[in-house]
Amino acid sequence: MWNFNIGCYQVCEKWLKDRKGRPLSADDIAHYHKIIVALTNTIRLMSEIDEVINQHGGWPDAFAVAPPAEII
């Protein structure tokens, strides 16, 4: 979780660094918890998506479009 990046930012570290030098309020802690839950779900979904892509031929084959069937 700690090492998860969005763009070039390490999300958890950045959030805490932005609040360096001040005590965290109960609302801050609750918000940080929501960030952790969101990242946990994001990582889980990314893993599930990767698994489905691999089951369908990997990248980029999983996204290949079959040619249209001939109309008789």
N, C-alpha and C. Protein backbone atom coordinates (compact mmCIF):
# COMPACT_ATOMS: atom_id res chain seq x y z
N MET A 1 0.83 -1.19 0.00
CA MET A 1 0.00 0.00 0.00
C MET A 1 0.88 1.25 0.00
N TRP A 2 1.86 1.27 0.85
CA TRP A 2 2.71 2.44 1.00
C TRP A 2 3.39 2.80 -0.32
N ASN A 3 3.77 1.80 -1.10
CA ASN A 3 4.52 2.03 -2.35
C ASN A 3 3.63 2.29 -3.55
N PHE A 4 2.31 2.29 -3.40
CA PHE A 4 1.40 2.50 -4.53
C PHE A 4 1.55 3.93 -5.04
N ASN A 5 1.74 4.05 -6.35
CA ASN A 5 1.91 5.35 -6.99
C ASN A 5 0.76 5.66 -7.93
N ILE A 6 0.41 6.91 -7.99
CA ILE A 6 -0.47 7.44 -9.03
C ILE A 6 0.35 8.54 -9.69
N GLY A 7 0.63 8.33 -10.97
CA GLY A 7 1.55 9.25 -11.62
C GLY A 7 2.91 9.10 -10.97
N CYS A 8 3.49 10.18 -10.57
CA CYS A 8 4.80 10.12 -9.93
C CYS A 8 4.70 10.27 -8.41
N TYR A 9 3.48 10.21 -7.86
CA TYR A 9 3.30 10.40 -6.42
C TYR A 9 3.05 9.10 -5.70
N GLN A 10 3.75 8.91 -4.60
CA GLN A 10 3.48 7.82 -3.69
C GLN A 10 2.36 8.33 -2.79
N VAL A 11 1.14 7.85 -3.02
CA VAL A 11 -0.07 8.45 -2.48
C VAL A 11 -0.03 8.64 -0.96
N CYS A 12 0.21 7.56 -0.22
CA CYS A 12 0.16 7.66 1.24
C CYS A 12 1.24 8.59 1.79
N GLU A 13 2.43 8.46 1.25
CA GLU A 13 3.52 9.32 1.71
C GLU A 13 3.23 10.79 1.42
N LYS A 14 2.73 11.08 0.21
CA LYS A 14 2.45 12.46 -0.17
C LYS A 14 1.40 13.08 0.74
N TRP A 15 0.35 12.31 1.02
CA TRP A 15 -0.72 12.83 1.86
C TRP A 15 -0.17 13.20 3.24
N LEU A 16 0.65 12.31 3.79
CA LEU A 16 1.21 12.60 5.12
C LEU A 16 2.23 13.74 5.07
N LYS A 17 3.07 13.78 4.04
CA LYS A 17 4.06 14.86 3.92
C LYS A 17 3.39 16.23 3.84
N ASP A 18 2.24 16.28 3.16
CA ASP A 18 1.52 17.55 3.05
C ASP A 18 1.01 18.04 4.40
N ARG A 19 1.00 17.16 5.41
CA ARG A 19 0.50 17.53 6.74
C ARG A 19 1.61 17.51 7.78
N LYS A 20 2.85 17.45 7.32
CA LYS A 20 4.01 17.38 8.22
C LYS A 20 4.05 18.59 9.14
N GLY A 21 4.34 18.33 10.41
CA GLY A 21 4.50 19.41 11.36
C GLY A 21 3.24 19.82 12.08
N ARG A 22 2.14 19.15 11.79
CA ARG A 22 0.91 19.48 12.52
C ARG A 22 0.23 18.20 12.96
N PRO A 23 -0.45 18.23 14.09
CA PRO A 23 -1.14 17.01 14.53
C PRO A 23 -2.32 16.71 13.61
N LEU A 24 -2.58 15.42 13.42
CA LEU A 24 -3.72 15.01 12.61
C LEU A 24 -4.98 15.01 13.46
N SER A 25 -6.03 15.59 12.93
CA SER A 25 -7.32 15.59 13.62
C SER A 25 -8.00 14.24 13.41
N ALA A 26 -9.07 14.03 14.13
CA ALA A 26 -9.87 12.81 13.94
C ALA A 26 -10.39 12.74 12.50
N ASP A 27 -10.78 13.89 11.95
CA ASP A 27 -11.24 13.93 10.56
C ASP A 27 -10.12 13.58 9.59
N ASP A 28 -8.91 14.05 9.87
CA ASP A 28 -7.75 13.71 9.04
C ASP A 28 -7.51 12.20 9.05
N ILE A 29 -7.55 11.61 10.22
CA ILE A 29 -7.31 10.17 10.35
C ILE A 29 -8.40 9.38 9.64
N ALA A 30 -9.65 9.81 9.77
CA ALA A 30 -10.75 9.15 9.08
C ALA A 30 -10.58 9.26 7.56
N HIS A 31 -10.14 10.42 7.10
CA HIS A 31 -9.92 10.62 5.66
C HIS A 31 -8.78 9.73 5.17
N TYR A 32 -7.70 9.66 5.93
CA TYR A 32 -6.56 8.80 5.56
C TYR A 32 -7.01 7.34 5.49
N HIS A 33 -7.85 6.94 6.42
CA HIS A 33 -8.39 5.57 6.39
C HIS A 33 -9.18 5.33 5.10
N LYS A 34 -9.97 6.30 4.68
CA LYS A 34 -10.73 6.17 3.43
C LYS A 34 -9.80 6.05 2.23
N ILE A 35 -8.68 6.77 2.27
CA ILE A 35 -7.69 6.67 1.20
C ILE A 35 -7.14 5.26 1.14
N ILE A 36 -6.81 4.68 2.30
CA ILE A 36 -6.27 3.33 2.37
C ILE A 36 -7.29 2.33 1.82
N VAL A 37 -8.55 2.47 2.19
CA VAL A 37 -9.60 1.57 1.69
C VAL A 37 -9.73 1.71 0.17
N ALA A 38 -9.72 2.93 -0.33
CA ALA A 38 -9.83 3.15 -1.78
C ALA A 38 -8.65 2.55 -2.52
N LEU A 39 -7.45 2.71 -1.99
CA LEU A 39 -6.26 2.14 -2.63
C LEU A 39 -6.29 0.62 -2.58
N THR A 40 -6.74 0.06 -1.47
CA THR A 40 -6.87 -1.40 -1.35
C THR A 40 -7.80 -1.94 -2.43
N ASN A 41 -8.94 -1.29 -2.60
CA ASN A 41 -9.90 -1.72 -3.62
C ASN A 41 -9.34 -1.51 -5.02
N THR A 42 -8.63 -0.43 -5.24
CA THR A 42 -8.02 -0.15 -6.54
C THR A 42 -7.00 -1.23 -6.90
N ILE A 43 -6.14 -1.58 -5.96
CA ILE A 43 -5.13 -2.60 -6.20
C ILE A 43 -5.79 -3.95 -6.48
N ARG A 44 -6.84 -4.28 -5.73
CA ARG A 44 -7.57 -5.54 -5.96
C ARG A 44 -8.18 -5.57 -7.35
N LEU A 45 -8.83 -4.48 -7.74
CA LEU A 45 -9.45 -4.42 -9.07
C LEU A 45 -8.41 -4.48 -10.18
N MET A 46 -7.29 -3.81 -9.98
CA MET A 46 -6.23 -3.85 -11.00
C MET A 46 -5.74 -5.29 -11.19
N SER A 47 -5.62 -6.01 -10.10
CA SER A 47 -5.20 -7.41 -10.17
C SER A 47 -6.23 -8.26 -10.91
N GLU A 48 -7.50 -8.05 -10.61
CA GLU A 48 -8.57 -8.79 -11.29
C GLU A 48 -8.58 -8.48 -12.79
N ILE A 49 -8.40 -7.24 -13.14
CA ILE A 49 -8.37 -6.84 -14.55
C ILE A 49 -7.19 -7.49 -15.25
N ASP A 50 -6.02 -7.46 -14.61
CA ASP A 50 -4.84 -8.11 -15.19
C ASP A 50 -5.08 -9.60 -15.41
N GLU A 51 -5.74 -10.25 -14.46
CA GLU A 51 -6.03 -11.68 -14.58
C GLU A 51 -6.94 -11.95 -15.78
N VAL A 52 -7.98 -11.15 -15.96
CA VAL A 52 -8.90 -11.33 -17.09
C VAL A 52 -8.17 -11.09 -18.41
N ILE A 53 -7.34 -10.08 -18.46
CA ILE A 53 -6.57 -9.81 -19.67
C ILE A 53 -5.68 -11.01 -20.01
N ASN A 54 -5.03 -11.57 -19.00
CA ASN A 54 -4.17 -12.74 -19.23
C ASN A 54 -4.97 -13.95 -19.69
N GLN A 55 -6.18 -14.12 -19.16
CA GLN A 55 -7.03 -15.24 -19.56
C GLN A 55 -7.50 -15.11 -21.02
N HIS A 56 -7.43 -13.92 -21.56
CA HIS A 56 -7.90 -13.67 -22.93
C HIS A 56 -6.75 -13.33 -23.88
N GLY A 57 -5.58 -13.87 -23.60
CA GLY A 57 -4.48 -13.74 -24.54
C GLY A 57 -3.43 -12.72 -24.20
N GLY A 58 -3.57 -12.04 -23.08
CA GLY A 58 -2.57 -11.04 -22.69
C GLY A 58 -2.72 -9.75 -23.48
N TRP A 59 -1.82 -8.86 -23.21
CA TRP A 59 -1.84 -7.54 -23.85
C TRP A 59 -1.09 -7.61 -25.16
N PRO A 60 -1.52 -7.10 -26.27
CA PRO A 60 -2.78 -6.43 -26.56
C PRO A 60 -3.83 -7.38 -27.14
N ASP A 61 -3.49 -8.68 -27.23
CA ASP A 61 -4.39 -9.64 -27.88
C ASP A 61 -5.78 -9.70 -27.25
N ALA A 62 -5.87 -9.47 -25.95
CA ALA A 62 -7.17 -9.53 -25.27
C ALA A 62 -8.14 -8.48 -25.81
N PHE A 63 -7.60 -7.48 -26.51
CA PHE A 63 -8.45 -6.40 -27.00
C PHE A 63 -8.62 -6.41 -28.52
N ALA A 64 -8.15 -7.49 -29.14
CA ALA A 64 -8.28 -7.60 -30.60
C ALA A 64 -9.76 -7.82 -30.95
N VAL A 65 -10.18 -7.19 -31.98
CA VAL A 65 -11.56 -7.30 -32.43
C VAL A 65 -11.59 -8.27 -33.60
N ALA A 66 -12.47 -9.27 -33.51
CA ALA A 66 -12.61 -10.23 -34.59
C ALA A 66 -13.23 -9.55 -35.78
N PRO A 67 -12.83 -9.97 -36.98
CA PRO A 67 -13.45 -9.36 -38.17
C PRO A 67 -14.93 -9.71 -38.20
N PRO A 68 -15.74 -8.86 -38.79
CA PRO A 68 -17.19 -9.14 -38.84
C PRO A 68 -17.47 -10.39 -39.66
N ALA A 69 -18.49 -11.12 -39.24
CA ALA A 69 -18.88 -12.33 -39.97
C ALA A 69 -19.48 -11.94 -41.31
N GLU A 70 -19.31 -12.81 -42.28
CA GLU A 70 -19.87 -12.53 -43.59
C GLU A 70 -21.38 -12.64 -43.55
N ILE A 71 -22.02 -11.75 -44.26
CA ILE A 71 -23.48 -11.78 -44.34
C ILE A 71 -23.86 -12.57 -45.59
N ILE A 72 -24.67 -13.56 -45.38
CA ILE A 72 -25.08 -14.41 -46.52
C ILE A 72 -26.45 -14.01 -46.98
